[in-house]
Protein backbone atom coordinates (compact mmCIF):
# COMPACT_ATOMS: atom_id res chain seq x y z
CA MET A 1 68.05 84.98 104.68
CA LYS A 2 70.78 87.39 103.55
CA LYS A 3 72.54 87.08 106.90
CA LEU A 4 72.48 83.30 106.64
CA LEU A 5 74.01 83.49 103.15
CA ALA A 6 76.67 85.91 104.38
CA PHE A 7 77.61 83.59 107.28
CA ALA A 8 77.80 80.62 104.91
CA LEU A 9 80.12 82.51 102.54
CA ILE A 10 82.34 83.59 105.41
CA GLY A 11 82.52 80.00 106.63
CA PHE A 12 83.48 78.66 103.20
CA SER A 13 86.11 81.35 102.65
CA THR A 14 87.65 80.57 106.06
CA ILE A 15 87.90 76.89 105.13
CA ALA A 16 89.48 77.76 101.77
CA LEU A 17 91.98 80.10 103.44
CA ALA A 18 92.95 77.42 105.96
CA ASP A 19 93.58 74.98 103.09
CA GLU A 20 95.87 77.52 101.37
CA VAL A 21 97.82 78.07 104.59
CA GLU A 22 98.33 74.31 105.00
CA THR A 23 99.54 74.01 101.39
CA ALA A 24 101.99 76.88 101.82
CA ALA A 25 103.29 75.39 105.08
CA ALA A 26 103.85 72.00 103.41
CA GLN A 27 106.19 73.50 100.81
CA PRO A 28 109.75 74.02 102.02
CA VAL A 29 111.19 77.53 101.98
CA ALA A 30 113.84 77.94 99.29
CA ALA A 31 117.34 78.54 100.63
CA GLN A 32 120.05 80.26 98.59
CA TYR A 33 122.70 77.69 97.58
CA ASP A 34 126.39 78.52 97.80
CA TYR A 35 128.97 76.34 96.03
CA SER A 36 130.87 75.90 99.30
CA GLN A 37 127.90 73.99 100.82
CA ASN A 38 127.84 70.21 101.03
CA LEU A 39 124.32 68.99 100.31
CA ASP A 40 122.87 65.72 101.65
CA ILE A 41 120.84 64.64 98.60
CA ALA A 42 119.24 61.21 98.73
CA LYS A 43 116.61 61.85 96.05
CA VAL A 44 115.91 64.75 93.67
CA ILE A 45 112.19 65.58 93.71
CA SER A 46 112.11 68.32 91.06
CA LEU A 47 114.27 70.70 89.03
CA SER A 48 113.05 73.94 87.53
CA THR A 49 112.95 74.19 83.75
CA LEU A 50 115.77 76.28 82.33
CA PRO A 51 114.73 78.83 79.69
CA ASN A 52 116.08 78.67 76.14
CA VAL A 53 118.50 81.59 76.58
CA CYS A 54 122.29 81.82 76.54
CA GLU A 55 122.82 83.48 79.91
CA VAL A 56 122.89 82.68 83.60
CA VAL A 57 119.38 82.31 85.03
CA PRO A 58 117.88 81.51 88.44
CA ALA A 59 116.95 77.87 89.03
CA THR A 60 115.52 75.77 91.87
CA MET A 61 115.87 72.19 93.00
CA THR A 62 113.74 70.34 95.54
CA TYR A 63 115.34 67.27 97.07
CA GLU A 64 114.99 64.84 99.94
CA ASP A 65 117.89 64.24 102.31
CA HIS A 66 118.86 60.91 103.90
CA GLN A 67 116.66 61.67 106.93
CA GLY A 68 113.61 62.04 104.67
CA GLN A 69 113.30 65.82 104.98
CA ARG A 70 112.57 67.93 101.88
CA HIS A 71 114.64 70.97 101.00
CA THR A 72 114.41 73.53 98.20
CA ILE A 73 117.45 75.48 97.09
CA GLU A 74 117.82 78.39 94.69
CA TYR A 75 120.93 78.60 92.54
CA ARG A 76 122.17 80.11 89.27
CA ALA A 77 122.55 77.98 86.12
CA MET A 78 123.35 78.52 82.46
CA GLY A 79 120.26 78.58 80.25
CA ASP A 80 119.67 75.93 77.58
CA GLY A 81 120.00 78.34 74.63
CA CYS A 82 123.74 78.26 74.04
CA SER A 83 125.10 76.51 70.97
CA ASN A 84 128.55 74.97 70.75
CA GLY A 85 129.26 76.15 67.23
């Protein structure tokens, strides 16, 4: 009975691991953006939330190009914590 339980647990963990691998493969790898690049952005999917600090912070954007492919880029942006006065 213990062997049967062990085989069942191994089977379930293998299925769960396969699901995680598929999810990771579905997400595009983030590329470092350079301001000299021309991006083909048809639709912005998501933007990272900028922290409430007054300094340059890392940010990401996921977008879809005109061919329907998704891309994720990493870039640097000014945080939302700066005041104008």
